[in-house]
């Protein structure tokens, strides 16, 4: 369930702060 959510997130994802979006994968 978490794997699916991470690939299709409801809200934007970031690494600690909103100014830090993750690189893929």
PDBML (XML) file of the C-alpha atoms, coordinates in Angstrom:
<?xml version="1.0" encoding="UTF-8" ?>
<PDBx:datablock datablockName="MODEL"
   xmlns:PDBx="http://pdbml.pdb.org/schema/pdbx-v50.xsd"
   xmlns:xsi="http://www.w3.org/2001/XMLSchema-instance"
   xsi:schemaLocation="http://pdbml.pdb.org/schema/pdbx-v50.xsd pdbx-v50.xsd">
   <PDBx:atom_siteCategory>
      <PDBx:atom_site id="1">
         <PDBx:B_iso_or_equiv>0.00</PDBx:B_iso_or_equiv>
         <PDBx:Cartn_x>0.000</PDBx:Cartn_x>
         <PDBx:Cartn_y>0.000</PDBx:Cartn_y>
         <PDBx:Cartn_z>0.000</PDBx:Cartn_z>
         <PDBx:auth_asym_id>A</PDBx:auth_asym_id>
         <PDBx:auth_atom_id>CA</PDBx:auth_atom_id>
         <PDBx:auth_comp_id>UNK</PDBx:auth_comp_id>
         <PDBx:auth_seq_id>1</PDBx:auth_seq_id>
         <PDBx:group_PDB>ATOM</PDBx:group_PDB>
         <PDBx:label_alt_id xsi:nil="true" />
         <PDBx:label_asym_id>A</PDBx:label_asym_id>
         <PDBx:label_atom_id>CA</PDBx:label_atom_id>
         <PDBx:label_comp_id>UNK</PDBx:label_comp_id>
         <PDBx:label_entity_id>1</PDBx:label_entity_id>
         <PDBx:label_seq_id>1</PDBx:label_seq_id>
         <PDBx:occupancy>1.00</PDBx:occupancy>
         <PDBx:pdbx_PDB_model_num>1</PDBx:pdbx_PDB_model_num>
         <PDBx:type_symbol>C</PDBx:type_symbol>
      </PDBx:atom_site>
      <PDBx:atom_site id="2">
         <PDBx:B_iso_or_equiv>0.00</PDBx:B_iso_or_equiv>
         <PDBx:Cartn_x>2.843</PDBx:Cartn_x>
         <PDBx:Cartn_y>2.370</PDBx:Cartn_y>
         <PDBx:Cartn_z>0.854</PDBx:Cartn_z>
         <PDBx:auth_asym_id>A</PDBx:auth_asym_id>
         <PDBx:auth_atom_id>CA</PDBx:auth_atom_id>
         <PDBx:auth_comp_id>UNK</PDBx:auth_comp_id>
         <PDBx:auth_seq_id>2</PDBx:auth_seq_id>
         <PDBx:group_PDB>ATOM</PDBx:group_PDB>
         <PDBx:label_alt_id xsi:nil="true" />
         <PDBx:label_asym_id>A</PDBx:label_asym_id>
         <PDBx:label_atom_id>CA</PDBx:label_atom_id>
         <PDBx:label_comp_id>UNK</PDBx:label_comp_id>
         <PDBx:label_entity_id>1</PDBx:label_entity_id>
         <PDBx:label_seq_id>2</PDBx:label_seq_id>
         <PDBx:occupancy>1.00</PDBx:occupancy>
         <PDBx:pdbx_PDB_model_num>1</PDBx:pdbx_PDB_model_num>
         <PDBx:type_symbol>C</PDBx:type_symbol>
      </PDBx:atom_site>
      <PDBx:atom_site id="3">
         <PDBx:B_iso_or_equiv>0.00</PDBx:B_iso_or_equiv>
         <PDBx:Cartn_x>4.736</PDBx:Cartn_x>
         <PDBx:Cartn_y>1.474</PDBx:Cartn_y>
         <PDBx:Cartn_z>-2.320</PDBx:Cartn_z>
         <PDBx:auth_asym_id>A</PDBx:auth_asym_id>
         <PDBx:auth_atom_id>CA</PDBx:auth_atom_id>
         <PDBx:auth_comp_id>UNK</PDBx:auth_comp_id>
         <PDBx:auth_seq_id>3</PDBx:auth_seq_id>
         <PDBx:group_PDB>ATOM</PDBx:group_PDB>
         <PDBx:label_alt_id xsi:nil="true" />
         <PDBx:label_asym_id>A</PDBx:label_asym_id>
         <PDBx:label_atom_id>CA</PDBx:label_atom_id>
         <PDBx:label_comp_id>UNK</PDBx:label_comp_id>
         <PDBx:label_entity_id>1</PDBx:label_entity_id>
         <PDBx:label_seq_id>3</PDBx:label_seq_id>
         <PDBx:occupancy>1.00</PDBx:occupancy>
         <PDBx:pdbx_PDB_model_num>1</PDBx:pdbx_PDB_model_num>
         <PDBx:type_symbol>C</PDBx:type_symbol>
      </PDBx:atom_site>
      <PDBx:atom_site id="4">
         <PDBx:B_iso_or_equiv>0.00</PDBx:B_iso_or_equiv>
         <PDBx:Cartn_x>1.686</PDBx:Cartn_x>
         <PDBx:Cartn_y>2.308</PDBx:Cartn_y>
         <PDBx:Cartn_z>-4.430</PDBx:Cartn_z>
         <PDBx:auth_asym_id>A</PDBx:auth_asym_id>
         <PDBx:auth_atom_id>CA</PDBx:auth_atom_id>
         <PDBx:auth_comp_id>UNK</PDBx:auth_comp_id>
         <PDBx:auth_seq_id>4</PDBx:auth_seq_id>
         <PDBx:group_PDB>ATOM</PDBx:group_PDB>
         <PDBx:label_alt_id xsi:nil="true" />
         <PDBx:label_asym_id>A</PDBx:label_asym_id>
         <PDBx:label_atom_id>CA</PDBx:label_atom_id>
         <PDBx:label_comp_id>UNK</PDBx:label_comp_id>
         <PDBx:label_entity_id>1</PDBx:label_entity_id>
         <PDBx:label_seq_id>4</PDBx:label_seq_id>
         <PDBx:occupancy>1.00</PDBx:occupancy>
         <PDBx:pdbx_PDB_model_num>1</PDBx:pdbx_PDB_model_num>
         <PDBx:type_symbol>C</PDBx:type_symbol>
      </PDBx:atom_site>
      <PDBx:atom_site id="5">
         <PDBx:B_iso_or_equiv>0.00</PDBx:B_iso_or_equiv>
         <PDBx:Cartn_x>1.122</PDBx:Cartn_x>
         <PDBx:Cartn_y>5.579</PDBx:Cartn_y>
         <PDBx:Cartn_z>-2.549</PDBx:Cartn_z>
         <PDBx:auth_asym_id>A</PDBx:auth_asym_id>
         <PDBx:auth_atom_id>CA</PDBx:auth_atom_id>
         <PDBx:auth_comp_id>UNK</PDBx:auth_comp_id>
         <PDBx:auth_seq_id>5</PDBx:auth_seq_id>
         <PDBx:group_PDB>ATOM</PDBx:group_PDB>
         <PDBx:label_alt_id xsi:nil="true" />
         <PDBx:label_asym_id>A</PDBx:label_asym_id>
         <PDBx:label_atom_id>CA</PDBx:label_atom_id>
         <PDBx:label_comp_id>UNK</PDBx:label_comp_id>
         <PDBx:label_entity_id>1</PDBx:label_entity_id>
         <PDBx:label_seq_id>5</PDBx:label_seq_id>
         <PDBx:occupancy>1.00</PDBx:occupancy>
         <PDBx:pdbx_PDB_model_num>1</PDBx:pdbx_PDB_model_num>
         <PDBx:type_symbol>C</PDBx:type_symbol>
      </PDBx:atom_site>
      <PDBx:atom_site id="6">
         <PDBx:B_iso_or_equiv>0.00</PDBx:B_iso_or_equiv>
         <PDBx:Cartn_x>4.742</PDBx:Cartn_x>
         <PDBx:Cartn_y>6.665</PDBx:Cartn_y>
         <PDBx:Cartn_z>-3.025</PDBx:Cartn_z>
         <PDBx:auth_asym_id>A</PDBx:auth_asym_id>
         <PDBx:auth_atom_id>CA</PDBx:auth_atom_id>
         <PDBx:auth_comp_id>UNK</PDBx:auth_comp_id>
         <PDBx:auth_seq_id>6</PDBx:auth_seq_id>
         <PDBx:group_PDB>ATOM</PDBx:group_PDB>
         <PDBx:label_alt_id xsi:nil="true" />
         <PDBx:label_asym_id>A</PDBx:label_asym_id>
         <PDBx:label_atom_id>CA</PDBx:label_atom_id>
         <PDBx:label_comp_id>UNK</PDBx:label_comp_id>
         <PDBx:label_entity_id>1</PDBx:label_entity_id>
         <PDBx:label_seq_id>6</PDBx:label_seq_id>
         <PDBx:occupancy>1.00</PDBx:occupancy>
         <PDBx:pdbx_PDB_model_num>1</PDBx:pdbx_PDB_model_num>
         <PDBx:type_symbol>C</PDBx:type_symbol>
      </PDBx:atom_site>
      <PDBx:atom_site id="7">
         <PDBx:B_iso_or_equiv>0.00</PDBx:B_iso_or_equiv>
         <PDBx:Cartn_x>4.465</PDBx:Cartn_x>
         <PDBx:Cartn_y>6.091</PDBx:Cartn_y>
         <PDBx:Cartn_z>-6.767</PDBx:Cartn_z>
         <PDBx:auth_asym_id>A</PDBx:auth_asym_id>
         <PDBx:auth_atom_id>CA</PDBx:auth_atom_id>
         <PDBx:auth_comp_id>UNK</PDBx:auth_comp_id>
         <PDBx:auth_seq_id>7</PDBx:auth_seq_id>
         <PDBx:group_PDB>ATOM</PDBx:group_PDB>
         <PDBx:label_alt_id xsi:nil="true" />
         <PDBx:label_asym_id>A</PDBx:label_asym_id>
         <PDBx:label_atom_id>CA</PDBx:label_atom_id>
         <PDBx:label_comp_id>UNK</PDBx:label_comp_id>
         <PDBx:label_entity_id>1</PDBx:label_entity_id>
         <PDBx:label_seq_id>7</PDBx:label_seq_id>
         <PDBx:occupancy>1.00</PDBx:occupancy>
         <PDBx:pdbx_PDB_model_num>1</PDBx:pdbx_PDB_model_num>
         <PDBx:type_symbol>C</PDBx:type_symbol>
      </PDBx:atom_site>
      <PDBx:atom_site id="8">
         <PDBx:B_iso_or_equiv>0.00</PDBx:B_iso_or_equiv>
         <PDBx:Cartn_x>1.102</PDBx:Cartn_x>
         <PDBx:Cartn_y>7.941</PDBx:Cartn_y>
         <PDBx:Cartn_z>-6.892</PDBx:Cartn_z>
         <PDBx:auth_asym_id>A</PDBx:auth_asym_id>
         <PDBx:auth_atom_id>CA</PDBx:auth_atom_id>
         <PDBx:auth_comp_id>UNK</PDBx:auth_comp_id>
         <PDBx:auth_seq_id>8</PDBx:auth_seq_id>
         <PDBx:group_PDB>ATOM</PDBx:group_PDB>
         <PDBx:label_alt_id xsi:nil="true" />
         <PDBx:label_asym_id>A</PDBx:label_asym_id>
         <PDBx:label_atom_id>CA</PDBx:label_atom_id>
         <PDBx:label_comp_id>UNK</PDBx:label_comp_id>
         <PDBx:label_entity_id>1</PDBx:label_entity_id>
         <PDBx:label_seq_id>8</PDBx:label_seq_id>
         <PDBx:occupancy>1.00</PDBx:occupancy>
         <PDBx:pdbx_PDB_model_num>1</PDBx:pdbx_PDB_model_num>
         <PDBx:type_symbol>C</PDBx:type_symbol>
      </PDBx:atom_site>
      <PDBx:atom_site id="9">
         <PDBx:B_iso_or_equiv>0.00</PDBx:B_iso_or_equiv>
         <PDBx:Cartn_x>1.147</PDBx:Cartn_x>
         <PDBx:Cartn_y>10.364</PDBx:Cartn_y>
         <PDBx:Cartn_z>-3.925</PDBx:Cartn_z>
         <PDBx:auth_asym_id>A</PDBx:auth_asym_id>
         <PDBx:auth_atom_id>CA</PDBx:auth_atom_id>
         <PDBx:auth_comp_id>UNK</PDBx:auth_comp_id>
         <PDBx:auth_seq_id>9</PDBx:auth_seq_id>
         <PDBx:group_PDB>ATOM</PDBx:group_PDB>
         <PDBx:label_alt_id xsi:nil="true" />
         <PDBx:label_asym_id>A</PDBx:label_asym_id>
         <PDBx:label_atom_id>CA</PDBx:label_atom_id>
         <PDBx:label_comp_id>UNK</PDBx:label_comp_id>
         <PDBx:label_entity_id>1</PDBx:label_entity_id>
         <PDBx:label_seq_id>9</PDBx:label_seq_id>
         <PDBx:occupancy>1.00</PDBx:occupancy>
         <PDBx:pdbx_PDB_model_num>1</PDBx:pdbx_PDB_model_num>
         <PDBx:type_symbol>C</PDBx:type_symbol>
      </PDBx:atom_site>
      <PDBx:atom_site id="10">
         <PDBx:B_iso_or_equiv>0.00</PDBx:B_iso_or_equiv>
         <PDBx:Cartn_x>-1.899</PDBx:Cartn_x>
         <PDBx:Cartn_y>12.353</PDBx:Cartn_y>
         <PDBx:Cartn_z>-2.823</PDBx:Cartn_z>
         <PDBx:auth_asym_id>A</PDBx:auth_asym_id>
         <PDBx:auth_atom_id>CA</PDBx:auth_atom_id>
         <PDBx:auth_comp_id>UNK</PDBx:auth_comp_id>
         <PDBx:auth_seq_id>10</PDBx:auth_seq_id>
         <PDBx:group_PDB>ATOM</PDBx:group_PDB>
         <PDBx:label_alt_id xsi:nil="true" />
         <PDBx:label_asym_id>A</PDBx:label_asym_id>
         <PDBx:label_atom_id>CA</PDBx:label_atom_id>
         <PDBx:label_comp_id>UNK</PDBx:label_comp_id>
         <PDBx:label_entity_id>1</PDBx:label_entity_id>
         <PDBx:label_seq_id>10</PDBx:label_seq_id>
         <PDBx:occupancy>1.00</PDBx:occupancy>
         <PDBx:pdbx_PDB_model_num>1</PDBx:pdbx_PDB_model_num>
         <PDBx:type_symbol>C</PDBx:type_symbol>
      </PDBx:atom_site>
      <PDBx:atom_site id="11">
         <PDBx:B_iso_or_equiv>0.00</PDBx:B_iso_or_equiv>
         <PDBx:Cartn_x>0.200</PDBx:Cartn_x>
         <PDBx:Cartn_y>15.344</PDBx:Cartn_y>
         <PDBx:Cartn_z>-1.709</PDBx:Cartn_z>
         <PDBx:auth_asym_id>A</PDBx:auth_asym_id>
         <PDBx:auth_atom_id>CA</PDBx:auth_atom_id>
         <PDBx:auth_comp_id>UNK</PDBx:auth_comp_id>
         <PDBx:auth_seq_id>11</PDBx:auth_seq_id>
         <PDBx:group_PDB>ATOM</PDBx:group_PDB>
         <PDBx:label_alt_id xsi:nil="true" />
         <PDBx:label_asym_id>A</PDBx:label_asym_id>
         <PDBx:label_atom_id>CA</PDBx:label_atom_id>
         <PDBx:label_comp_id>UNK</PDBx:label_comp_id>
         <PDBx:label_entity_id>1</PDBx:label_entity_id>
         <PDBx:label_seq_id>11</PDBx:label_seq_id>
         <PDBx:occupancy>1.00</PDBx:occupancy>
         <PDBx:pdbx_PDB_model_num>1</PDBx:pdbx_PDB_model_num>
         <PDBx:type_symbol>C</PDBx:type_symbol>
      </PDBx:atom_site>
      <PDBx:atom_site id="12">
         <PDBx:B_iso_or_equiv>0.00</PDBx:B_iso_or_equiv>
         <PDBx:Cartn_x>3.618</PDBx:Cartn_x>
         <PDBx:Cartn_y>16.560</PDBx:Cartn_y>
         <PDBx:Cartn_z>-2.918</PDBx:Cartn_z>
         <PDBx:auth_asym_id>A</PDBx:auth_asym_id>
         <PDBx:auth_atom_id>CA</PDBx:auth_atom_id>
         <PDBx:auth_comp_id>UNK</PDBx:auth_comp_id>
         <PDBx:auth_seq_id>12</PDBx:auth_seq_id>
         <PDBx:group_PDB>ATOM</PDBx:group_PDB>
         <PDBx:label_alt_id xsi:nil="true" />
         <PDBx:label_asym_id>A</PDBx:label_asym_id>
         <PDBx:label_atom_id>CA</PDBx:label_atom_id>
         <PDBx:label_comp_id>UNK</PDBx:label_comp_id>
         <PDBx:label_entity_id>1</PDBx:label_entity_id>
         <PDBx:label_seq_id>12</PDBx:label_seq_id>
         <PDBx:occupancy>1.00</PDBx:occupancy>
         <PDBx:pdbx_PDB_model_num>1</PDBx:pdbx_PDB_model_num>
         <PDBx:type_symbol>C</PDBx:type_symbol>
      </PDBx:atom_site>
      <PDBx:atom_site id="13">
         <PDBx:B_iso_or_equiv>0.00</PDBx:B_iso_or_equiv>
         <PDBx:Cartn_x>6.570</PDBx:Cartn_x>
         <PDBx:Cartn_y>14.773</PDBx:Cartn_y>
         <PDBx:Cartn_z>-1.315</PDBx:Cartn_z>
         <PDBx:auth_asym_id>A</PDBx:auth_asym_id>
         <PDBx:auth_atom_id>CA</PDBx:auth_atom_id>
         <PDBx:auth_comp_id>UNK</PDBx:auth_comp_id>
         <PDBx:auth_seq_id>13</PDBx:auth_seq_id>
         <PDBx:group_PDB>ATOM</PDBx:group_PDB>
         <PDBx:label_alt_id xsi:nil="true" />
         <PDBx:label_asym_id>A</PDBx:label_asym_id>
         <PDBx:label_atom_id>CA</PDBx:label_atom_id>
         <PDBx:label_comp_id>UNK</PDBx:label_comp_id>
         <PDBx:label_entity_id>1</PDBx:label_entity_id>
         <PDBx:label_seq_id>13</PDBx:label_seq_id>
         <PDBx:occupancy>1.00</PDBx:occupancy>
         <PDBx:pdbx_PDB_model_num>1</PDBx:pdbx_PDB_model_num>
         <PDBx:type_symbol>C</PDBx:type_symbol>
      </PDBx:atom_site>
      <PDBx:atom_site id="14">
         <PDBx:B_iso_or_equiv>0.00</PDBx:B_iso_or_equiv>
         <PDBx:Cartn_x>9.666</PDBx:Cartn_x>
         <PDBx:Cartn_y>16.455</PDBx:Cartn_y>
         <PDBx:Cartn_z>0.068</PDBx:Cartn_z>
         <PDBx:auth_asym_id>A</PDBx:auth_asym_id>
         <PDBx:auth_atom_id>CA</PDBx:auth_atom_id>
         <PDBx:auth_comp_id>UNK</PDBx:auth_comp_id>
         <PDBx:auth_seq_id>14</PDBx:auth_seq_id>
         <PDBx:group_PDB>ATOM</PDBx:group_PDB>
         <PDBx:label_alt_id xsi:nil="true" />
         <PDBx:label_asym_id>A</PDBx:label_asym_id>
         <PDBx:label_atom_id>CA</PDBx:label_atom_id>
         <PDBx:label_comp_id>UNK</PDBx:label_comp_id>
         <PDBx:label_entity_id>1</PDBx:label_entity_id>
         <PDBx:label_seq_id>14</PDBx:label_seq_id>
         <PDBx:occupancy>1.00</PDBx:occupancy>
         <PDBx:pdbx_PDB_model_num>1</PDBx:pdbx_PDB_model_num>
         <PDBx:type_symbol>C</PDBx:type_symbol>
      </PDBx:atom_site>
      <PDBx:atom_site id="15">
         <PDBx:B_iso_or_equiv>0.00</PDBx:B_iso_or_equiv>
         <PDBx:Cartn_x>12.737</PDBx:Cartn_x>
         <PDBx:Cartn_y>15.560</PDBx:Cartn_y>
         <PDBx:Cartn_z>2.134</PDBx:Cartn_z>
         <PDBx:auth_asym_id>A</PDBx:auth_asym_id>
         <PDBx:auth_atom_id>CA</PDBx:auth_atom_id>
         <PDBx:auth_comp_id>UNK</PDBx:auth_comp_id>
         <PDBx:auth_seq_id>15</PDBx:auth_seq_id>
         <PDBx:group_PDB>ATOM</PDBx:group_PDB>
         <PDBx:label_alt_id xsi:nil="true" />
         <PDBx:label_asym_id>A</PDBx:label_asym_id>
         <PDBx:label_atom_id>CA</PDBx:label_atom_id>
         <PDBx:label_comp_id>UNK</PDBx:label_comp_id>
         <PDBx:label_entity_id>1</PDBx:label_entity_id>
         <PDBx:label_seq_id>15</PDBx:label_seq_id>
         <PDBx:occupancy>1.00</PDBx:occupancy>
         <PDBx:pdbx_PDB_model_num>1</PDBx:pdbx_PDB_model_num>
         <PDBx:type_symbol>C</PDBx:type_symbol>
      </PDBx:atom_site>
      <PDBx:atom_site id="16">
         <PDBx:B_iso_or_equiv>0.00</PDBx:B_iso_or_equiv>
         <PDBx:Cartn_x>12.194</PDBx:Cartn_x>
         <PDBx:Cartn_y>17.362</PDBx:Cartn_y>
         <PDBx:Cartn_z>5.418</PDBx:Cartn_z>
         <PDBx:auth_asym_id>A</PDBx:auth_asym_id>
         <PDBx:auth_atom_id>CA</PDBx:auth_atom_id>
         <PDBx:auth_comp_id>UNK</PDBx:auth_comp_id>
         <PDBx:auth_seq_id>16</PDBx:auth_seq_id>
         <PDBx:group_PDB>ATOM</PDBx:group_PDB>
         <PDBx:label_alt_id xsi:nil="true" />
         <PDBx:label_asym_id>A</PDBx:label_asym_id>
         <PDBx:label_atom_id>CA</PDBx:label_atom_id>
         <PDBx:label_comp_id>UNK</PDBx:label_comp_id>
         <PDBx:label_entity_id>1</PDBx:label_entity_id>
         <PDBx:label_seq_id>16</PDBx:label_seq_id>
         <PDBx:occupancy>1.00</PDBx:occupancy>
         <PDBx:pdbx_PDB_model_num>1</PDBx:pdbx_PDB_model_num>
         <PDBx:type_symbol>C</PDBx:type_symbol>
      </PDBx:atom_site>
      <PDBx:atom_site id="17">
         <PDBx:B_iso_or_equiv>0.00</PDBx:B_iso_or_equiv>
         <PDBx:Cartn_x>11.177</PDBx:Cartn_x>
         <PDBx:Cartn_y>20.773</PDBx:Cartn_y>
         <PDBx:Cartn_z>4.032</PDBx:Cartn_z>
         <PDBx:auth_asym_id>A</PDBx:auth_asym_id>
         <PDBx:auth_atom_id>CA</PDBx:auth_atom_id>
         <PDBx:auth_comp_id>UNK</PDBx:auth_comp_id>
         <PDBx:auth_seq_id>17</PDBx:auth_seq_id>
         <PDBx:group_PDB>ATOM</PDBx:group_PDB>
         <PDBx:label_alt_id xsi:nil="true" />
         <PDBx:label_asym_id>A</PDBx:label_asym_id>
         <PDBx:label_atom_id>CA</PDBx:label_atom_id>
         <PDBx:label_comp_id>UNK</PDBx:label_comp_id>
         <PDBx:label_entity_id>1</PDBx:label_entity_id>
         <PDBx:label_seq_id>17</PDBx:label_seq_id>
         <PDBx:occupancy>1.00</PDBx:occupancy>
         <PDBx:pdbx_PDB_model_num>1</PDBx:pdbx_PDB_model_num>
         <PDBx:type_symbol>C</PDBx:type_symbol>
      </PDBx:atom_site>
      <PDBx:atom_site id="18">
         <PDBx:B_iso_or_equiv>0.00</PDBx:B_iso_or_equiv>
         <PDBx:Cartn_x>8.902</PDBx:Cartn_x>
         <PDBx:Cartn_y>21.838</PDBx:Cartn_y>
         <PDBx:Cartn_z>1.208</PDBx:Cartn_z>
         <PDBx:auth_asym_id>A</PDBx:auth_asym_id>
         <PDBx:auth_atom_id>CA</PDBx:auth_atom_id>
         <PDBx:auth_comp_id>UNK</PDBx:auth_comp_id>
         <PDBx:auth_seq_id>18</PDBx:auth_seq_id>
         <PDBx:group_PDB>ATOM</PDBx:group_PDB>
         <PDBx:label_alt_id xsi:nil="true" />
         <PDBx:label_asym_id>A</PDBx:label_asym_id>
         <PDBx:label_atom_id>CA</PDBx:label_atom_id>
         <PDBx:label_comp_id>UNK</PDBx:label_comp_id>
         <PDBx:label_entity_id>1</PDBx:label_entity_id>
         <PDBx:label_seq_id>18</PDBx:label_seq_id>
         <PDBx:occupancy>1.00</PDBx:occupancy>
         <PDBx:pdbx_PDB_model_num>1</PDBx:pdbx_PDB_model_num>
         <PDBx:type_symbol>C</PDBx:type_symbol>
      </PDBx:atom_site>
      <PDBx:atom_site id="19">
         <PDBx:B_iso_or_equiv>0.00</PDBx:B_iso_or_equiv>
         <PDBx:Cartn_x>11.841</PDBx:Cartn_x>
         <PDBx:Cartn_y>23.411</PDBx:Cartn_y>
         <PDBx:Cartn_z>-0.596</PDBx:Cartn_z>
         <PDBx:auth_asym_id>A</PDBx:auth_asym_id>
         <PDBx:auth_atom_id>CA</PDBx:auth_atom_id>
         <PDBx:auth_comp_id>UNK</PDBx:auth_comp_id>
         <PDBx:auth_seq_id>19</PDBx:auth_seq_id>
         <PDBx:group_PDB>ATOM</PDBx:group_PDB>
         <PDBx:label_alt_id xsi:nil="true" />
         <PDBx:label_asym_id>A</PDBx:label_asym_id>
         <PDBx:label_atom_id>CA</PDBx:label_atom_id>
         <PDBx:label_comp_id>UNK</PDBx:label_comp_id>
         <PDBx:label_entity_id>1</PDBx:label_entity_id>
         <PDBx:label_seq_id>19</PDBx:label_seq_id>
         <PDBx:occupancy>1.00</PDBx:occupancy>
         <PDBx:pdbx_PDB_model_num>1</PDBx:pdbx_PDB_model_num>
         <PDBx:type_symbol>C</PDBx:type_symbol>
      </PDBx:atom_site>
      <PDBx:atom_site id="20">
         <PDBx:B_iso_or_equiv>0.00</PDBx:B_iso_or_equiv>
         <PDBx:Cartn_x>13.525</PDBx:Cartn_x>
         <PDBx:Cartn_y>19.973</PDBx:Cartn_y>
         <PDBx:Cartn_z>-0.845</PDBx:Cartn_z>
         <PDBx:auth_asym_id>A</PDBx:auth_asym_id>
         <PDBx:auth_atom_id>CA</PDBx:auth_atom_id>
         <PDBx:auth_comp_id>UNK</PDBx:auth_comp_id>
         <PDBx:auth_seq_id>20</PDBx:auth_seq_id>
         <PDBx:group_PDB>ATOM</PDBx:group_PDB>
         <PDBx:label_alt_id xsi:nil="true" />
         <PDBx:label_asym_id>A</PDBx:label_asym_id>
         <PDBx:label_atom_id>CA</PDBx:label_atom_id>
         <PDBx:label_comp_id>UNK</PDBx:label_comp_id>
         <PDBx:label_entity_id>1</PDBx:label_entity_id>
         <PDBx:label_seq_id>20</PDBx:label_seq_id>
         <PDBx:occupancy>1.00</PDBx:occupancy>
         <PDBx:pdbx_PDB_model_num>1</PDBx:pdbx_PDB_model_num>
         <PDBx:type_symbol>C</PDBx:type_symbol>
      </PDBx:atom_site>
      <PDBx:atom_site id="21">
         <PDBx:B_iso_or_equiv>0.00</PDBx:B_iso_or_equiv>
         <PDBx:Cartn_x>11.760</PDBx:Cartn_x>
         <PDBx:Cartn_y>17.762</PDBx:Cartn_y>
         <PDBx:Cartn_z>-3.428</PDBx:Cartn_z>
         <PDBx:auth_asym_id>A</PDBx:auth_asym_id>
         <PDBx:auth_atom_id>CA</PDBx:auth_atom_id>
         <PDBx:auth_comp_id>UNK</PDBx:auth_comp_id>
         <PDBx:auth_seq_id>21</PDBx:auth_seq_id>
         <PDBx:group_PDB>ATOM</PDBx:group_PDB>
         <PDBx:label_alt_id xsi:nil="true" />
         <PDBx:label_asym_id>A</PDBx:label_asym_id>
         <PDBx:label_atom_id>CA</PDBx:label_atom_id>
         <PDBx:label_comp_id>UNK</PDBx:label_comp_id>
         <PDBx:label_entity_id>1</PDBx:label_entity_id>
         <PDBx:label_seq_id>21</PDBx:label_seq_id>
         <PDBx:occupancy>1.00</PDBx:occupancy>
         <PDBx:pdbx_PDB_model_num>1</PDBx:pdbx_PDB_model_num>
         <PDBx:type_symbol>C</PDBx:type_symbol>
      </PDBx:atom_site>
      <PDBx:atom_site id="22">
         <PDBx:B_iso_or_equiv>0.00</PDBx:B_iso_or_equiv>
         <PDBx:Cartn_x>13.373</PDBx:Cartn_x>
         <PDBx:Cartn_y>14.321</PDBx:Cartn_y>
         <PDBx:Cartn_z>-3.902</PDBx:Cartn_z>
         <PDBx:auth_asym_id>A</PDBx:auth_asym_id>
         <PDBx:auth_atom_id>CA</PDBx:auth_atom_id>
         <PDBx:auth_comp_id>UNK</PDBx:auth_comp_id>
         <PDBx:auth_seq_id>22</PDBx:auth_seq_id>
         <PDBx:group_PDB>ATOM</PDBx:group_PDB>
         <PDBx:label_alt_id xsi:nil="true" />
         <PDBx:label_asym_id>A</PDBx:label_asym_id>
         <PDBx:label_atom_id>CA</PDBx:label_atom_id>
         <PDBx:label_comp_id>UNK</PDBx:label_comp_id>
         <PDBx:label_entity_id>1</PDBx:label_entity_id>
         <PDBx:label_seq_id>22</PDBx:label_seq_id>
         <PDBx:occupancy>1.00</PDBx:occupancy>
         <PDBx:pdbx_PDB_model_num>1</PDBx:pdbx_PDB_model_num>
         <PDBx:type_symbol>C</PDBx:type_symbol>
      </PDBx:atom_site>
      <PDBx:atom_site id="23">
         <PDBx:B_iso_or_equiv>0.00</PDBx:B_iso_or_equiv>
         <PDBx:Cartn_x>15.122</PDBx:Cartn_x>
         <PDBx:Cartn_y>13.187</PDBx:Cartn_y>
         <PDBx:Cartn_z>-7.043</PDBx:Cartn_z>
         <PDBx:auth_asym_id>A</PDBx:auth_asym_id>
         <PDBx:auth_atom_id>CA</PDBx:auth_atom_id>
         <PDBx:auth_comp_id>UNK</PDBx:auth_comp_id>
         <PDBx:auth_seq_id>23</PDBx:auth_seq_id>
         <PDBx:group_PDB>ATOM</PDBx:group_PDB>
         <PDBx:label_alt_id xsi:nil="true" />
         <PDBx:label_asym_id>A</PDBx:label_asym_id>
         <PDBx:label_atom_id>CA</PDBx:label_atom_id>
         <PDBx:label_comp_id>UNK</PDBx:label_comp_id>
         <PDBx:label_entity_id>1</PDBx:label_entity_id>
         <PDBx:label_seq_id>23</PDBx:label_seq_id>
         <PDBx:occupancy>1.00</PDBx:occupancy>
         <PDBx:pdbx_PDB_model_num>1</PDBx:pdbx_PDB_model_num>
         <PDBx:type_symbol>C</PDBx:type_symbol>
      </PDBx:atom_site>
      <PDBx:atom_site id="24">
         <PDBx:B_iso_or_equiv>0.00</PDBx:B_iso_or_equiv>
         <PDBx:Cartn_x>13.947</PDBx:Cartn_x>
         <PDBx:Cartn_y>9.974</PDBx:Cartn_y>
         <PDBx:Cartn_z>-8.721</PDBx:Cartn_z>
         <PDBx:auth_asym_id>A</PDBx:auth_asym_id>
         <PDBx:auth_atom_id>CA</PDBx:auth_atom_id>
         <PDBx:auth_comp_id>UNK</PDBx:auth_comp_id>
         <PDBx:auth_seq_id>24</PDBx:auth_seq_id>
         <PDBx:group_PDB>ATOM</PDBx:group_PDB>
         <PDBx:label_alt_id xsi:nil="true" />
         <PDBx:label_asym_id>A</PDBx:label_asym_id>
         <PDBx:label_atom_id>CA</PDBx:label_atom_id>
         <PDBx:label_comp_id>UNK</PDBx:label_comp_id>
         <PDBx:label_entity_id>1</PDBx:label_entity_id>
         <PDBx:label_seq_id>24</PDBx:label_seq_id>
         <PDBx:occupancy>1.00</PDBx:occupancy>
         <PDBx:pdbx_PDB_model_num>1</PDBx:pdbx_PDB_model_num>
         <PDBx:type_symbol>C</PDBx:type_symbol>
      </PDBx:atom_site>
      <PDBx:atom_site id="25">
         <PDBx:B_iso_or_equiv>0.00</PDBx:B_iso_or_equiv>
         <PDBx:Cartn_x>13.730</PDBx:Cartn_x>
         <PDBx:Cartn_y>7.124</PDBx:Cartn_y>
         <PDBx:Cartn_z>-8.133</PDBx:Cartn_z>
         <PDBx:auth_asym_id>A</PDBx:auth_asym_id>
         <PDBx:auth_atom_id>CA</PDBx:auth_atom_id>
         <PDBx:auth_comp_id>UNK</PDBx:auth_comp_id>
         <PDBx:auth_seq_id>25</PDBx:auth_seq_id>
         <PDBx:group_PDB>ATOM</PDBx:group_PDB>
         <PDBx:label_alt_id xsi:nil="true" />
         <PDBx:label_asym_id>A</PDBx:label_asym_id>
         <PDBx:label_atom_id>CA</PDBx:label_atom_id>
         <PDBx:label_comp_id>UNK</PDBx:label_comp_id>
         <PDBx:label_entity_id>1</PDBx:label_entity_id>
         <PDBx:label_seq_id>25</PDBx:label_seq_id>
         <PDBx:occupancy>1.00</PDBx:occupancy>
         <PDBx:pdbx_PDB_model_num>1</PDBx:pdbx_PDB_model_num>
         <PDBx:type_symbol>C</PDBx:type_symbol>
      </PDBx:atom_site>
   </PDBx:atom_siteCategory>
</PDBx:datablock>
